[in-house]
Amino acid sequence: PSCHGQWTEWAPSSDCSVTCGGGTKTMTRTCTNPAPDLENGGDPCEGDDTMTVPCNSETCPLQEAIDGGWTPWTSSGCSVTCGQGTSTLTRTCSNPVPKHGGRHCEGDAEMTEMCNE
């Protein structure tokens, strides 16, 4: 008697493409349960040995908005050592950096003040 091929169970062959929000993964199966006896007239399995299925369809959690904050002012030092001069003060909006739609810092990143008055 000839032995016809039968598929194994579907098994994942890749992880989901995303952790949330809807992705895909590949499933595979083999024609080895049993393998067909082709020499004695057994038929191979019919159908595909791979398929793509949806996965991790749950909504991603919202990230909390983080507003930007200024670093402390840093000074360039006075432009002169004697007499009235100017000093440039700078700061950056990186304490923290705005994330997830948070607001950028308001105000100037640079200012000049008088020194050695």
N, C-alpha and C. Protein backbone atom coordinates (compact mmCIF):
# COMPACT_ATOMS: atom_id res chain seq x y z
N PRO A 1 0.84 -1.21 0.00
CA PRO A 1 0.00 0.00 0.00
C PRO A 1 0.87 1.25 0.00
N SER A 2 0.38 2.25 -0.72
CA SER A 2 1.13 3.51 -0.78
C SER A 2 0.81 4.37 0.43
N CYS A 3 1.80 5.16 0.82
CA CYS A 3 1.65 6.03 2.00
C CYS A 3 1.58 7.49 1.50
N HIS A 4 0.44 8.13 1.78
CA HIS A 4 0.26 9.52 1.37
C HIS A 4 0.81 10.46 2.43
N GLY A 5 1.35 11.58 1.96
CA GLY A 5 1.93 12.57 2.87
C GLY A 5 0.86 13.29 3.69
N GLN A 6 1.20 13.60 4.90
CA GLN A 6 0.33 14.38 5.78
C GLN A 6 1.14 15.51 6.41
N TRP A 7 0.48 16.64 6.60
CA TRP A 7 1.14 17.81 7.19
C TRP A 7 1.33 17.65 8.69
N THR A 8 2.42 18.23 9.20
CA THR A 8 2.57 18.40 10.64
C THR A 8 1.69 19.57 11.07
N GLU A 9 1.58 19.81 12.38
CA GLU A 9 0.83 20.98 12.88
C GLU A 9 1.57 22.26 12.48
N TRP A 10 0.83 23.35 12.33
CA TRP A 10 1.45 24.65 12.06
C TRP A 10 2.28 25.06 13.29
N ALA A 11 3.44 25.62 13.05
CA ALA A 11 4.30 26.09 14.14
C ALA A 11 4.90 27.44 13.74
N PRO A 12 5.04 28.37 14.69
CA PRO A 12 5.64 29.67 14.35
C PRO A 12 7.11 29.50 13.96
N SER A 13 7.49 30.16 12.88
CA SER A 13 8.90 30.12 12.46
C SER A 13 9.54 31.49 12.59
N SER A 14 8.76 32.49 13.05
CA SER A 14 9.32 33.81 13.30
C SER A 14 8.55 34.45 14.44
N ASP A 15 9.19 35.39 15.12
CA ASP A 15 8.50 36.16 16.15
C ASP A 15 7.60 37.18 15.48
N CYS A 16 6.66 37.71 16.23
CA CYS A 16 5.78 38.74 15.70
C CYS A 16 6.62 39.96 15.31
N SER A 17 6.22 40.63 14.25
CA SER A 17 7.00 41.77 13.74
C SER A 17 6.93 42.98 14.66
N VAL A 18 5.94 43.05 15.55
CA VAL A 18 5.80 44.16 16.50
C VAL A 18 5.35 43.60 17.85
N THR A 19 5.54 44.39 18.92
CA THR A 19 5.11 43.93 20.24
C THR A 19 3.67 44.33 20.54
N CYS A 20 3.12 45.30 19.79
CA CYS A 20 1.73 45.71 19.97
C CYS A 20 1.31 46.48 18.72
N GLY A 21 0.01 46.68 18.57
CA GLY A 21 -0.48 47.48 17.46
C GLY A 21 -0.75 46.72 16.19
N GLY A 22 -0.54 45.42 16.19
CA GLY A 22 -0.87 44.61 15.01
C GLY A 22 0.33 44.35 14.12
N GLY A 23 0.80 43.13 14.12
CA GLY A 23 1.90 42.74 13.26
C GLY A 23 1.60 41.40 12.61
N THR A 24 2.64 40.77 12.09
CA THR A 24 2.48 39.47 11.46
C THR A 24 3.62 38.55 11.89
N LYS A 25 3.36 37.25 11.79
CA LYS A 25 4.41 36.27 11.98
C LYS A 25 4.19 35.15 10.98
N THR A 26 5.24 34.42 10.69
CA THR A 26 5.19 33.34 9.72
C THR A 26 5.04 32.01 10.45
N MET A 27 4.14 31.20 9.93
CA MET A 27 3.91 29.85 10.44
C MET A 27 4.35 28.87 9.35
N THR A 28 4.94 27.75 9.76
CA THR A 28 5.37 26.74 8.79
C THR A 28 4.90 25.36 9.23
N ARG A 29 4.86 24.47 8.26
CA ARG A 29 4.56 23.06 8.53
C ARG A 29 5.32 22.24 7.50
N THR A 30 5.52 20.97 7.80
CA THR A 30 6.25 20.10 6.87
C THR A 30 5.39 18.89 6.53
N CYS A 31 5.66 18.35 5.38
CA CYS A 31 4.93 17.17 4.89
C CYS A 31 5.66 15.91 5.34
N THR A 32 5.68 15.71 6.67
CA THR A 32 6.46 14.60 7.24
C THR A 32 5.68 13.83 8.31
N ASN A 33 4.34 13.84 8.23
CA ASN A 33 3.54 13.26 9.31
C ASN A 33 2.49 12.28 8.79
N PRO A 34 2.80 11.30 8.01
CA PRO A 34 4.14 10.86 7.58
C PRO A 34 4.53 11.52 6.26
N ALA A 35 5.78 11.33 5.88
CA ALA A 35 6.24 11.78 4.56
C ALA A 35 5.62 10.85 3.51
N PRO A 36 5.34 11.38 2.32
CA PRO A 36 4.75 10.51 1.29
C PRO A 36 5.75 9.48 0.76
N ASP A 37 5.25 8.31 0.47
CA ASP A 37 6.07 7.25 -0.14
C ASP A 37 5.91 7.40 -1.65
N LEU A 38 6.65 8.33 -2.23
CA LEU A 38 6.50 8.66 -3.65
C LEU A 38 6.86 7.49 -4.56
N GLU A 39 7.81 6.66 -4.15
CA GLU A 39 8.23 5.53 -5.00
C GLU A 39 7.12 4.51 -5.16
N ASN A 40 6.20 4.43 -4.20
CA ASN A 40 5.12 3.44 -4.27
C ASN A 40 3.76 4.08 -4.51
N GLY A 41 3.77 5.28 -5.12
CA GLY A 41 2.52 5.91 -5.50
C GLY A 41 1.88 6.78 -4.45
N GLY A 42 2.59 7.09 -3.38
CA GLY A 42 2.04 7.97 -2.36
C GLY A 42 1.94 9.40 -2.86
N ASP A 43 0.92 10.11 -2.43
CA ASP A 43 0.73 11.50 -2.87
C ASP A 43 1.40 12.47 -1.90
N PRO A 44 2.02 13.53 -2.46
CA PRO A 44 2.57 14.56 -1.59
C PRO A 44 1.43 15.36 -0.95
N CYS A 45 1.76 16.11 0.09
CA CYS A 45 0.77 16.96 0.74
C CYS A 45 0.30 18.05 -0.23
N GLU A 46 -0.95 18.46 -0.08
CA GLU A 46 -1.48 19.55 -0.88
C GLU A 46 -1.54 20.82 -0.03
N GLY A 47 -1.31 21.95 -0.67
CA GLY A 47 -1.39 23.22 0.04
C GLY A 47 -0.01 23.81 0.32
N ASP A 48 -0.02 24.93 1.00
CA ASP A 48 1.22 25.66 1.27
C ASP A 48 1.89 25.17 2.54
N ASP A 49 3.22 25.33 2.57
CA ASP A 49 3.95 24.95 3.78
C ASP A 49 4.27 26.17 4.66
N THR A 50 3.89 27.36 4.20
CA THR A 50 4.06 28.57 5.02
C THR A 50 2.80 29.42 4.93
N MET A 51 2.53 30.18 5.98
CA MET A 51 1.46 31.17 5.95
C MET A 51 1.82 32.30 6.90
N THR A 52 1.27 33.46 6.63
CA THR A 52 1.47 34.63 7.48
C THR A 52 0.18 34.88 8.24
N VAL A 53 0.30 35.07 9.54
CA VAL A 53 -0.87 35.27 10.39
C VAL A 53 -0.70 36.56 11.20
N PRO A 54 -1.82 37.20 11.56
CA PRO A 54 -1.73 38.40 12.39
C PRO A 54 -1.34 38.03 13.83
N CYS A 55 -0.72 38.99 14.52
CA CYS A 55 -0.32 38.76 15.91
C CYS A 55 -0.21 40.10 16.64
N ASN A 56 -0.23 40.03 17.96
CA ASN A 56 -0.09 41.20 18.83
C ASN A 56 -0.97 42.36 18.37
N SER A 57 -2.25 42.07 18.22
CA SER A 57 -3.19 43.07 17.68
C SER A 57 -3.67 44.06 18.74
N GLU A 58 -3.33 43.84 20.03
CA GLU A 58 -3.80 44.77 21.05
C GLU A 58 -3.17 46.15 20.86
N THR A 59 -3.92 47.16 21.26
CA THR A 59 -3.47 48.54 21.12
C THR A 59 -2.23 48.78 21.98
N CYS A 60 -1.29 49.54 21.43
CA CYS A 60 -0.10 49.90 22.19
C CYS A 60 -0.48 50.89 23.29
N PRO A 61 0.13 50.77 24.47
CA PRO A 61 -0.16 51.75 25.52
C PRO A 61 0.34 53.13 25.11
N LEU A 62 -0.40 54.14 25.51
CA LEU A 62 0.02 55.51 25.18
C LEU A 62 1.23 55.88 26.02
N GLN A 63 2.17 56.54 25.39
CA GLN A 63 3.33 57.04 26.12
C GLN A 63 2.96 58.40 26.70
N GLU A 64 3.26 58.61 27.95
CA GLU A 64 2.95 59.88 28.59
C GLU A 64 3.85 60.97 28.01
N ALA A 65 3.22 62.10 27.67
CA ALA A 65 3.98 63.22 27.12
C ALA A 65 4.93 63.76 28.18
N ILE A 66 6.15 64.06 27.76
CA ILE A 66 7.15 64.64 28.66
C ILE A 66 7.53 66.01 28.10
N ASP A 67 7.24 67.05 28.87
CA ASP A 67 7.59 68.40 28.46
C ASP A 67 9.08 68.62 28.66
N GLY A 68 9.66 69.43 27.77
CA GLY A 68 11.08 69.75 27.86
C GLY A 68 11.37 70.67 29.03
N GLY A 69 12.59 70.60 29.50
CA GLY A 69 13.04 71.47 30.58
C GLY A 69 14.42 72.03 30.26
N TRP A 70 14.66 73.24 30.70
CA TRP A 70 15.94 73.91 30.45
C TRP A 70 17.04 73.36 31.35
N THR A 71 18.25 73.32 30.83
CA THR A 71 19.43 73.08 31.66
C THR A 71 19.76 74.39 32.38
N PRO A 72 20.61 74.37 33.41
CA PRO A 72 21.03 75.63 34.02
C PRO A 72 21.81 76.49 32.99
N TRP A 73 21.78 77.80 33.21
CA TRP A 73 22.54 78.70 32.34
C TRP A 73 24.03 78.45 32.51
N THR A 74 24.77 78.51 31.40
CA THR A 74 26.23 78.48 31.47
C THR A 74 26.75 79.75 30.84
N SER A 75 27.83 80.27 31.40
CA SER A 75 28.36 81.57 30.97
C SER A 75 29.62 81.40 30.15
N SER A 76 29.77 82.27 29.14
CA SER A 76 30.98 82.27 28.32
C SER A 76 32.11 83.01 29.03
N GLY A 77 31.77 83.68 30.14
CA GLY A 77 32.76 84.52 30.81
C GLY A 77 32.69 85.92 30.25
N CYS A 78 33.23 86.86 30.99
CA CYS A 78 33.16 88.26 30.55
C CYS A 78 34.07 88.50 29.35
N SER A 79 33.61 89.35 28.45
CA SER A 79 34.36 89.62 27.22
C SER A 79 35.63 90.44 27.47
N VAL A 80 35.71 91.09 28.61
CA VAL A 80 36.91 91.88 28.96
C VAL A 80 37.27 91.58 30.41
N THR A 81 38.55 91.78 30.75
CA THR A 81 38.98 91.55 32.12
C THR A 81 38.92 92.82 32.95
N CYS A 82 38.88 93.94 32.27
CA CYS A 82 38.83 95.21 32.99
C CYS A 82 37.85 96.13 32.28
N GLY A 83 36.95 96.75 33.02
CA GLY A 83 35.95 97.63 32.41
C GLY A 83 34.72 96.83 32.04
N GLN A 84 33.72 97.57 31.55
CA GLN A 84 32.43 96.95 31.25
C GLN A 84 32.50 96.08 30.00
N GLY A 85 31.98 94.85 30.11
CA GLY A 85 31.93 93.95 28.97
C GLY A 85 30.61 93.20 28.95
N THR A 86 30.56 92.18 28.17
CA THR A 86 29.35 91.37 28.10
C THR A 86 29.71 89.90 28.30
N SER A 87 28.73 89.16 28.75
CA SER A 87 28.86 87.72 28.94
C SER A 87 27.65 87.07 28.27
N THR A 88 27.89 86.03 27.49
CA THR A 88 26.79 85.30 26.85
C THR A 88 26.45 84.09 27.69
N LEU A 89 25.16 83.98 28.03
CA LEU A 89 24.67 82.84 28.78
C LEU A 89 23.88 81.93 27.84
N THR A 90 24.11 80.63 27.93
CA THR A 90 23.40 79.68 27.06
C THR A 90 22.81 78.55 27.90
N ARG A 91 21.76 77.95 27.36
CA ARG A 91 21.14 76.79 27.97
C ARG A 91 20.49 75.97 26.86
N THR A 92 20.21 74.70 27.14
CA THR A 92 19.57 73.84 26.14
C THR A 92 18.31 73.21 26.73
N CYS A 93 17.40 72.89 25.83
CA CYS A 93 16.13 72.27 26.24
C CYS A 93 16.32 70.76 26.27
N SER A 94 17.10 70.30 27.26
CA SER A 94 17.44 68.87 27.31
C SER A 94 17.41 68.32 28.73
N ASN A 95 16.62 68.96 29.59
CA ASN A 95 16.61 68.57 31.00
C ASN A 95 15.18 68.46 31.54
N PRO A 96 14.34 67.54 31.00
CA PRO A 96 14.62 66.53 29.97
C PRO A 96 14.32 67.05 28.56
N VAL A 97 14.69 66.24 27.57
CA VAL A 97 14.31 66.50 26.18
C VAL A 97 12.81 66.22 26.05
N PRO A 98 12.05 67.06 25.32
CA PRO A 98 10.62 66.75 25.16
C PRO A 98 10.43 65.44 24.39
N LYS A 99 9.45 64.64 24.84
CA LYS A 99 9.18 63.34 24.19
C LYS A 99 7.69 63.11 24.10
N HIS A 100 7.29 62.27 23.15
CA HIS A 100 5.91 61.78 23.02
C HIS A 100 4.92 62.94 22.94
N GLY A 101 5.28 63.99 22.19
CA GLY A 101 4.37 65.11 22.02
C GLY A 101 4.44 66.15 23.12
N GLY A 102 5.40 66.02 24.02
CA GLY A 102 5.55 67.02 25.08
C GLY A 102 5.99 68.36 24.51
N ARG A 103 5.72 69.42 25.26
CA ARG A 103 6.03 70.77 24.79
C ARG A 103 7.53 71.05 24.83
N HIS A 104 7.97 71.84 23.83
CA HIS A 104 9.35 72.32 23.81
C HIS A 104 9.47 73.45 24.82
N CYS A 105 10.66 73.69 25.30
CA CYS A 105 10.88 74.75 26.28
C CYS A 105 10.48 76.11 25.71
N GLU A 106 9.93 76.96 26.56
CA GLU A 106 9.60 78.33 26.15
C GLU A 106 10.71 79.25 26.62
N GLY A 107 10.94 80.29 25.83
CA GLY A 107 11.97 81.25 26.20
C GLY A 107 13.20 81.09 25.32
N ASP A 108 14.20 81.90 25.61
CA ASP A 108 15.41 81.94 24.78
C ASP A 108 16.46 80.97 25.29
N ALA A 109 17.23 80.44 24.37
CA ALA A 109 18.34 79.54 24.71
C ALA A 109 19.63 80.33 24.95
N GLU A 110 19.59 81.63 24.64
CA GLU A 110 20.79 82.45 24.80
C GLU A 110 20.41 83.84 25.23
N MET A 111 21.22 84.44 26.10
CA MET A 111 21.02 85.84 26.47
C MET A 111 22.37 86.47 26.79
N THR A 112 22.42 87.78 26.68
CA THR A 112 23.65 88.50 26.96
C THR A 112 23.41 89.42 28.15
N GLU A 113 24.39 89.46 29.06
CA GLU A 113 24.28 90.37 30.21
C GLU A 113 25.57 91.16 30.35
N MET A 114 25.46 92.26 31.02
CA MET A 114 26.63 93.11 31.25
C MET A 114 27.48 92.50 32.37
N CYS A 115 28.79 92.73 32.29
CA CYS A 115 29.67 92.23 33.36
C CYS A 115 30.80 93.24 33.62
N ASN A 116 31.46 93.09 34.75
CA ASN A 116 32.54 93.98 35.19
C ASN A 116 32.08 95.44 35.22
N GLU A 117 30.83 95.65 35.67
CA GLU A 117 30.33 97.03 35.72
C GLU A 117 30.93 97.79 36.87
